């Protein structure tokens, strides 16, 4: 089973962790709360150019960087620089990248059915439960 989170799910999870972590006792503590860990850089593959739908990833990237004193960074690759749009799931699976936008119709049979039965893509590419 592919163990990968979509960028949106990951972004929401990170935002929830930062928001639910409680308040610090002093501004100095708040400023260094997430600065003790190792430096991490995640490679994120987004197809197309920067646009409204990618602004959430840009925002979470900057927010994570600010909250971790530049220790957690998203390196965002646009325009299929890192992986072709139809290969993002495979890239995540082999560890070439940590996240990316995925179009379900590009990966018939690879994604778990979400219960949608109204769109043509879901009806034609998913198996019965």
N, C-alpha and C. Protein backbone atom coordinates (compact mmCIF):
# COMPACT_ATOMS: atom_id res chain seq x y z
N UNK A 1 0.84 -1.18 0.00
CA UNK A 1 0.00 0.00 0.00
C UNK A 1 0.88 1.24 0.00
N UNK A 2 0.52 2.20 -0.80
CA UNK A 2 1.28 3.44 -0.89
C UNK A 2 1.07 4.27 0.36
N UNK A 3 2.14 4.55 1.07
CA UNK A 3 2.05 5.31 2.31
C UNK A 3 2.47 6.75 2.05
N UNK A 4 1.58 7.52 1.45
CA UNK A 4 1.90 8.90 1.13
C UNK A 4 0.70 9.78 1.44
N UNK A 5 0.99 10.95 1.91
CA UNK A 5 -0.05 11.93 2.17
C UNK A 5 -0.07 12.93 1.04
N UNK A 6 -1.23 13.41 0.69
CA UNK A 6 -1.27 14.48 -0.28
C UNK A 6 -0.72 15.73 0.37
N UNK A 7 -0.28 16.67 -0.44
CA UNK A 7 0.27 17.91 0.09
C UNK A 7 -0.78 18.64 0.91
N UNK A 8 -2.03 18.61 0.47
CA UNK A 8 -3.10 19.28 1.20
C UNK A 8 -3.29 18.64 2.57
N UNK A 9 -3.34 17.32 2.64
CA UNK A 9 -3.50 16.63 3.92
C UNK A 9 -2.33 16.91 4.84
N UNK A 10 -1.14 16.88 4.28
CA UNK A 10 0.06 17.15 5.07
C UNK A 10 0.04 18.59 5.59
N UNK A 11 -0.34 19.51 4.73
CA UNK A 11 -0.39 20.91 5.13
C UNK A 11 -1.39 21.12 6.26
N UNK A 12 -2.56 20.51 6.13
CA UNK A 12 -3.56 20.63 7.18
C UNK A 12 -3.09 20.00 8.48
N UNK A 13 -2.41 18.87 8.38
CA UNK A 13 -1.89 18.20 9.58
C UNK A 13 -0.84 19.07 10.27
N UNK A 14 0.07 19.64 9.49
CA UNK A 14 1.09 20.51 10.09
C UNK A 14 0.46 21.74 10.73
N UNK A 15 -0.52 22.33 10.06
CA UNK A 15 -1.19 23.50 10.61
C UNK A 15 -1.90 23.15 11.92
N UNK A 16 -2.54 21.98 11.97
CA UNK A 16 -3.23 21.56 13.19
C UNK A 16 -2.24 21.32 14.33
N UNK A 17 -1.09 20.73 14.02
CA UNK A 17 -0.07 20.49 15.05
C UNK A 17 0.43 21.81 15.62
N UNK A 18 0.74 22.75 14.74
CA UNK A 18 1.23 24.04 15.20
C UNK A 18 0.17 24.79 16.01
N UNK A 19 -1.07 24.72 15.56
CA UNK A 19 -2.15 25.45 16.24
C UNK A 19 -2.51 24.80 17.58
N UNK A 20 -2.46 23.48 17.65
CA UNK A 20 -2.88 22.77 18.86
C UNK A 20 -1.76 22.57 19.88
N UNK A 21 -0.61 23.10 19.60
CA UNK A 21 0.53 22.83 20.46
C UNK A 21 0.52 23.62 21.76
N UNK A 22 -0.45 24.48 21.93
CA UNK A 22 -0.55 25.23 23.18
C UNK A 22 0.22 26.53 23.12
N UNK A 23 0.05 27.33 24.14
CA UNK A 23 0.72 28.61 24.17
C UNK A 23 2.01 28.50 24.97
N UNK A 24 2.98 29.27 24.58
CA UNK A 24 4.25 29.29 25.29
C UNK A 24 4.16 30.25 26.46
N UNK A 25 5.04 30.09 27.41
CA UNK A 25 5.00 30.95 28.60
C UNK A 25 5.66 32.29 28.36
N UNK A 26 6.54 32.39 27.37
CA UNK A 26 7.20 33.67 27.10
C UNK A 26 7.43 33.81 25.60
N UNK A 27 7.61 35.04 25.11
CA UNK A 27 7.89 35.22 23.69
C UNK A 27 9.17 34.50 23.24
N UNK A 28 10.18 34.46 24.12
CA UNK A 28 11.43 33.78 23.77
C UNK A 28 11.20 32.28 23.60
N UNK A 29 10.39 31.70 24.48
CA UNK A 29 10.07 30.28 24.35
C UNK A 29 9.27 30.01 23.09
N UNK A 30 8.34 30.89 22.80
CA UNK A 30 7.53 30.74 21.59
C UNK A 30 8.39 30.81 20.34
N UNK A 31 9.37 31.68 20.34
CA UNK A 31 10.23 31.85 19.17
C UNK A 31 11.12 30.65 18.91
N UNK A 32 11.44 29.88 19.94
CA UNK A 32 12.35 28.74 19.77
C UNK A 32 11.67 27.39 20.00
N UNK A 33 10.37 27.36 20.08
CA UNK A 33 9.64 26.14 20.42
C UNK A 33 9.93 24.98 19.47
N UNK A 34 10.02 25.23 18.18
CA UNK A 34 10.22 24.17 17.19
C UNK A 34 11.60 24.25 16.54
N UNK A 35 12.55 24.89 17.18
CA UNK A 35 13.86 25.11 16.58
C UNK A 35 14.91 24.08 16.97
N UNK A 36 14.56 23.11 17.80
CA UNK A 36 15.55 22.16 18.31
C UNK A 36 15.82 20.97 17.40
N UNK A 37 14.97 20.72 16.44
CA UNK A 37 15.12 19.53 15.62
C UNK A 37 16.15 19.66 14.53
N UNK A 38 16.33 18.59 13.78
CA UNK A 38 17.30 18.61 12.67
C UNK A 38 16.76 19.41 11.49
N UNK A 39 17.63 19.81 10.59
CA UNK A 39 17.21 20.51 9.38
C UNK A 39 16.64 19.50 8.40
N UNK A 40 15.43 19.75 7.93
CA UNK A 40 14.76 18.87 6.97
C UNK A 40 14.34 19.67 5.75
N UNK A 41 14.47 19.08 4.59
CA UNK A 41 13.97 19.68 3.36
C UNK A 41 13.15 18.63 2.63
N UNK A 42 11.91 18.96 2.36
CA UNK A 42 11.03 18.06 1.62
C UNK A 42 10.91 18.57 0.19
N UNK A 43 11.04 17.66 -0.76
CA UNK A 43 10.87 18.00 -2.17
C UNK A 43 9.40 17.78 -2.54
N UNK A 44 8.78 18.83 -3.06
CA UNK A 44 7.37 18.79 -3.43
C UNK A 44 7.25 19.06 -4.93
N UNK A 45 6.59 18.18 -5.64
CA UNK A 45 6.43 18.30 -7.09
C UNK A 45 5.02 18.78 -7.42
N UNK A 46 4.93 19.94 -8.05
CA UNK A 46 3.65 20.50 -8.48
C UNK A 46 3.67 20.69 -9.99
N UNK A 47 2.67 20.17 -10.67
CA UNK A 47 2.65 20.36 -12.11
C UNK A 47 2.03 21.70 -12.44
N UNK A 48 2.43 22.25 -13.56
CA UNK A 48 1.98 23.59 -13.95
C UNK A 48 2.83 24.66 -13.29
N UNK A 49 2.38 25.90 -13.46
CA UNK A 49 3.11 27.01 -12.85
C UNK A 49 2.44 27.43 -11.55
N UNK A 50 3.04 28.37 -10.85
CA UNK A 50 2.46 28.87 -9.61
C UNK A 50 1.12 29.53 -9.94
N UNK A 51 0.08 29.13 -9.17
CA UNK A 51 -1.27 29.63 -9.41
C UNK A 51 -2.06 29.57 -8.11
N UNK A 52 -3.30 29.95 -8.15
CA UNK A 52 -4.12 30.05 -6.93
C UNK A 52 -4.16 28.74 -6.15
N UNK A 53 -4.27 27.61 -6.82
CA UNK A 53 -4.39 26.33 -6.13
C UNK A 53 -3.08 25.94 -5.42
N UNK A 54 -1.96 26.49 -5.84
CA UNK A 54 -0.69 26.16 -5.20
C UNK A 54 -0.32 27.12 -4.07
N UNK A 55 -1.09 28.16 -3.88
CA UNK A 55 -0.77 29.13 -2.84
C UNK A 55 -0.84 28.54 -1.43
N UNK A 56 -1.67 27.54 -1.23
CA UNK A 56 -1.73 26.87 0.07
C UNK A 56 -0.41 26.20 0.40
N UNK A 57 0.21 25.57 -0.57
CA UNK A 57 1.51 24.93 -0.36
C UNK A 57 2.57 26.00 -0.08
N UNK A 58 2.52 27.09 -0.82
CA UNK A 58 3.46 28.19 -0.60
C UNK A 58 3.32 28.75 0.81
N UNK A 59 2.08 28.94 1.25
CA UNK A 59 1.83 29.49 2.58
C UNK A 59 2.33 28.55 3.68
N UNK A 60 1.99 27.27 3.58
CA UNK A 60 2.42 26.30 4.59
C UNK A 60 3.95 26.18 4.58
N UNK A 61 4.56 26.26 3.41
CA UNK A 61 6.01 26.21 3.33
C UNK A 61 6.63 27.35 4.13
N UNK A 62 6.13 28.55 3.92
CA UNK A 62 6.67 29.72 4.63
C UNK A 62 6.35 29.64 6.13
N UNK A 63 5.15 29.19 6.47
CA UNK A 63 4.75 29.09 7.87
C UNK A 63 5.62 28.09 8.62
N UNK A 64 5.85 26.93 8.00
CA UNK A 64 6.69 25.90 8.63
C UNK A 64 8.11 26.41 8.80
N UNK A 65 8.60 27.11 7.80
CA UNK A 65 9.94 27.67 7.87
C UNK A 65 10.05 28.69 9.00
N UNK A 66 9.06 29.55 9.12
CA UNK A 66 9.05 30.57 10.18
C UNK A 66 8.96 29.94 11.56
N UNK A 67 8.12 28.92 11.72
CA UNK A 67 7.90 28.31 13.03
C UNK A 67 9.06 27.43 13.49
N UNK A 68 9.89 26.99 12.55
CA UNK A 68 10.98 26.08 12.90
C UNK A 68 12.36 26.72 12.76
N UNK A 69 12.40 28.04 12.71
CA UNK A 69 13.68 28.76 12.56
C UNK A 69 14.46 28.26 11.35
N UNK A 70 13.76 28.10 10.24
CA UNK A 70 14.33 27.65 8.96
C UNK A 70 14.85 26.21 8.99
N UNK A 71 14.38 25.40 9.93
CA UNK A 71 14.85 24.02 10.01
C UNK A 71 13.98 23.05 9.20
N UNK A 72 12.77 23.46 8.86
CA UNK A 72 11.89 22.62 8.04
C UNK A 72 11.52 23.42 6.80
N UNK A 73 11.89 22.90 5.65
CA UNK A 73 11.71 23.65 4.41
C UNK A 73 11.08 22.75 3.35
N UNK A 74 10.17 23.33 2.59
CA UNK A 74 9.64 22.67 1.40
C UNK A 74 10.41 23.24 0.22
N UNK A 75 10.99 22.41 -0.59
CA UNK A 75 11.57 22.84 -1.86
C UNK A 75 10.52 22.51 -2.90
N UNK A 76 9.86 23.53 -3.41
CA UNK A 76 8.73 23.34 -4.33
C UNK A 76 9.22 23.40 -5.77
N UNK A 77 8.94 22.36 -6.52
CA UNK A 77 9.32 22.28 -7.92
C UNK A 77 8.06 22.39 -8.77
N UNK A 78 8.03 23.38 -9.64
CA UNK A 78 6.89 23.60 -10.54
C UNK A 78 7.21 23.07 -11.94
N UNK A 79 6.17 22.93 -12.74
CA UNK A 79 6.32 22.61 -14.15
C UNK A 79 7.00 21.29 -14.44
N UNK A 80 6.75 20.30 -13.60
CA UNK A 80 7.29 18.95 -13.79
C UNK A 80 8.82 18.92 -13.80
N UNK A 81 9.46 19.82 -13.05
CA UNK A 81 10.92 19.83 -12.96
C UNK A 81 11.45 18.59 -12.26
N UNK A 82 10.75 18.14 -11.26
CA UNK A 82 11.21 17.01 -10.44
C UNK A 82 10.61 15.69 -10.91
N UNK A 83 9.35 15.72 -11.29
CA UNK A 83 8.65 14.51 -11.68
C UNK A 83 7.52 14.87 -12.63
N UNK A 84 7.27 14.04 -13.60
CA UNK A 84 6.13 14.27 -14.49
C UNK A 84 4.84 14.17 -13.68
N UNK A 85 3.81 14.88 -14.10
CA UNK A 85 2.54 14.89 -13.38
C UNK A 85 1.99 13.49 -13.17
N UNK A 86 2.14 12.64 -14.17
CA UNK A 86 1.61 11.28 -14.08
C UNK A 86 2.53 10.33 -13.31
N UNK A 87 3.66 10.85 -12.80
CA UNK A 87 4.62 10.01 -12.08
C UNK A 87 4.81 10.44 -10.63
N UNK A 88 4.01 11.39 -10.14
CA UNK A 88 4.20 11.87 -8.77
C UNK A 88 3.99 10.77 -7.73
N UNK A 89 2.98 9.94 -7.89
CA UNK A 89 2.77 8.86 -6.92
C UNK A 89 3.95 7.88 -6.91
N UNK A 90 4.44 7.55 -8.07
CA UNK A 90 5.58 6.65 -8.15
C UNK A 90 6.82 7.28 -7.54
N UNK A 91 7.00 8.59 -7.76
CA UNK A 91 8.13 9.30 -7.18
C UNK A 91 8.09 9.30 -5.66
N UNK A 92 6.90 9.44 -5.10
CA UNK A 92 6.74 9.38 -3.65
C UNK A 92 7.04 7.96 -3.16
N UNK A 93 6.54 6.98 -3.89
CA UNK A 93 6.72 5.59 -3.49
C UNK A 93 8.19 5.18 -3.42
N UNK A 94 8.99 5.64 -4.37
CA UNK A 94 10.40 5.27 -4.39
C UNK A 94 11.27 6.22 -3.58
N UNK A 95 10.68 7.26 -3.01
CA UNK A 95 11.43 8.18 -2.16
C UNK A 95 12.15 9.30 -2.90
N UNK A 96 11.83 9.50 -4.17
CA UNK A 96 12.46 10.58 -4.93
C UNK A 96 11.93 11.95 -4.52
N UNK A 97 10.73 11.99 -3.95
CA UNK A 97 10.13 13.22 -3.47
C UNK A 97 9.24 12.89 -2.29
N UNK A 98 8.95 13.92 -1.48
CA UNK A 98 8.15 13.70 -0.28
C UNK A 98 6.67 14.05 -0.47
N UNK A 99 6.34 14.78 -1.50
CA UNK A 99 4.95 15.15 -1.73
C UNK A 99 4.74 15.72 -3.11
N UNK A 100 3.50 15.82 -3.49
CA UNK A 100 3.18 16.39 -4.79
C UNK A 100 1.69 16.41 -5.02
N UNK A 101 1.29 17.24 -5.96
CA UNK A 101 -0.11 17.25 -6.34
C UNK A 101 -0.38 16.03 -7.21
N UNK A 102 -1.54 15.43 -7.00
CA UNK A 102 -1.91 14.23 -7.72
C UNK A 102 -3.29 14.43 -8.33
N UNK A 103 -3.41 14.09 -9.58
CA UNK A 103 -4.69 14.10 -10.27
C UNK A 103 -5.16 12.65 -10.34
N UNK A 104 -6.30 12.36 -9.74
CA UNK A 104 -6.77 10.98 -9.62
C UNK A 104 -6.90 10.29 -10.97
N UNK A 105 -7.31 11.02 -12.00
CA UNK A 105 -7.50 10.37 -13.30
C UNK A 105 -6.17 9.99 -13.95
N UNK A 106 -5.05 10.53 -13.46
CA UNK A 106 -3.74 10.14 -13.97
C UNK A 106 -3.29 8.79 -13.40
N UNK A 107 -3.95 8.32 -12.34
CA UNK A 107 -3.52 7.11 -11.63
C UNK A 107 -4.67 6.13 -11.43
N UNK A 108 -5.29 5.66 -12.49
CA UNK A 108 -6.41 4.73 -12.30
C UNK A 108 -5.95 3.46 -11.59
N UNK A 109 -6.71 3.10 -10.56
CA UNK A 109 -6.42 1.89 -9.82
C UNK A 109 -5.38 2.03 -8.73
N UNK A 110 -4.69 3.17 -8.63
CA UNK A 110 -3.64 3.34 -7.63
C UNK A 110 -4.13 4.03 -6.36
N UNK A 111 -5.23 4.73 -6.43
CA UNK A 111 -5.74 5.46 -5.28
C UNK A 111 -6.94 4.75 -4.68
N UNK A 112 -7.09 4.87 -3.39
CA UNK A 112 -8.22 4.26 -2.70
C UNK A 112 -9.48 5.03 -3.03
N UNK A 113 -10.54 4.31 -3.30
CA UNK A 113 -11.80 4.94 -3.63
C UNK A 113 -12.35 5.70 -2.44
N UNK A 114 -12.78 6.93 -2.67
CA UNK A 114 -13.27 7.77 -1.58
C UNK A 114 -14.77 7.68 -1.40
N UNK A 115 -15.45 6.92 -2.23
CA UNK A 115 -16.89 6.79 -2.09
C UNK A 115 -17.66 7.59 -3.11
N UNK A 116 -16.96 8.31 -3.95
CA UNK A 116 -17.62 9.10 -4.99
C UNK A 116 -18.19 8.16 -6.04
N UNK A 117 -19.43 8.35 -6.37
CA UNK A 117 -20.01 7.52 -7.42
C UNK A 117 -20.66 8.37 -8.51
N UNK A 118 -20.41 9.68 -8.45
CA UNK A 118 -21.08 10.55 -9.40
C UNK A 118 -20.20 10.95 -10.58
N UNK A 119 -18.89 11.02 -10.40
CA UNK A 119 -18.07 11.47 -11.52
C UNK A 119 -17.65 10.29 -12.40
N UNK A 120 -17.47 10.55 -13.64
CA UNK A 120 -17.14 9.53 -14.63
C UNK A 120 -15.82 8.84 -14.28
N UNK A 121 -14.84 9.61 -13.81
CA UNK A 121 -13.53 9.04 -13.50
C UNK A 121 -13.63 7.97 -12.42
N UNK A 122 -14.39 8.25 -11.35
CA UNK A 122 -14.52 7.27 -10.27
C UNK A 122 -15.30 6.04 -10.70
N UNK A 123 -16.34 6.23 -11.48
CA UNK A 123 -17.15 5.08 -11.91
C UNK A 123 -16.37 4.16 -12.82
N UNK A 124 -15.46 4.70 -13.65
CA UNK A 124 -14.80 3.86 -14.63
C UNK A 124 -13.48 3.26 -14.16
N UNK A 125 -12.88 3.82 -13.09
CA UNK A 125 -11.54 3.33 -12.71
C UNK A 125 -11.48 2.63 -11.36
N UNK A 126 -12.55 2.61 -10.61
CA UNK A 126 -12.47 1.98 -9.30
C UNK A 126 -13.21 0.65 -9.29
N UNK A 127 -12.74 -0.22 -8.48
CA UNK A 127 -13.38 -1.53 -8.37
C UNK A 127 -14.50 -1.46 -7.36
N UNK A 128 -15.29 -2.50 -7.32
CA UNK A 128 -16.40 -2.54 -6.36
C UNK A 128 -15.86 -2.80 -4.98
N UNK A 129 -16.60 -2.38 -3.98
CA UNK A 129 -16.18 -2.54 -2.58
C UNK A 129 -16.44 -3.92 -2.09
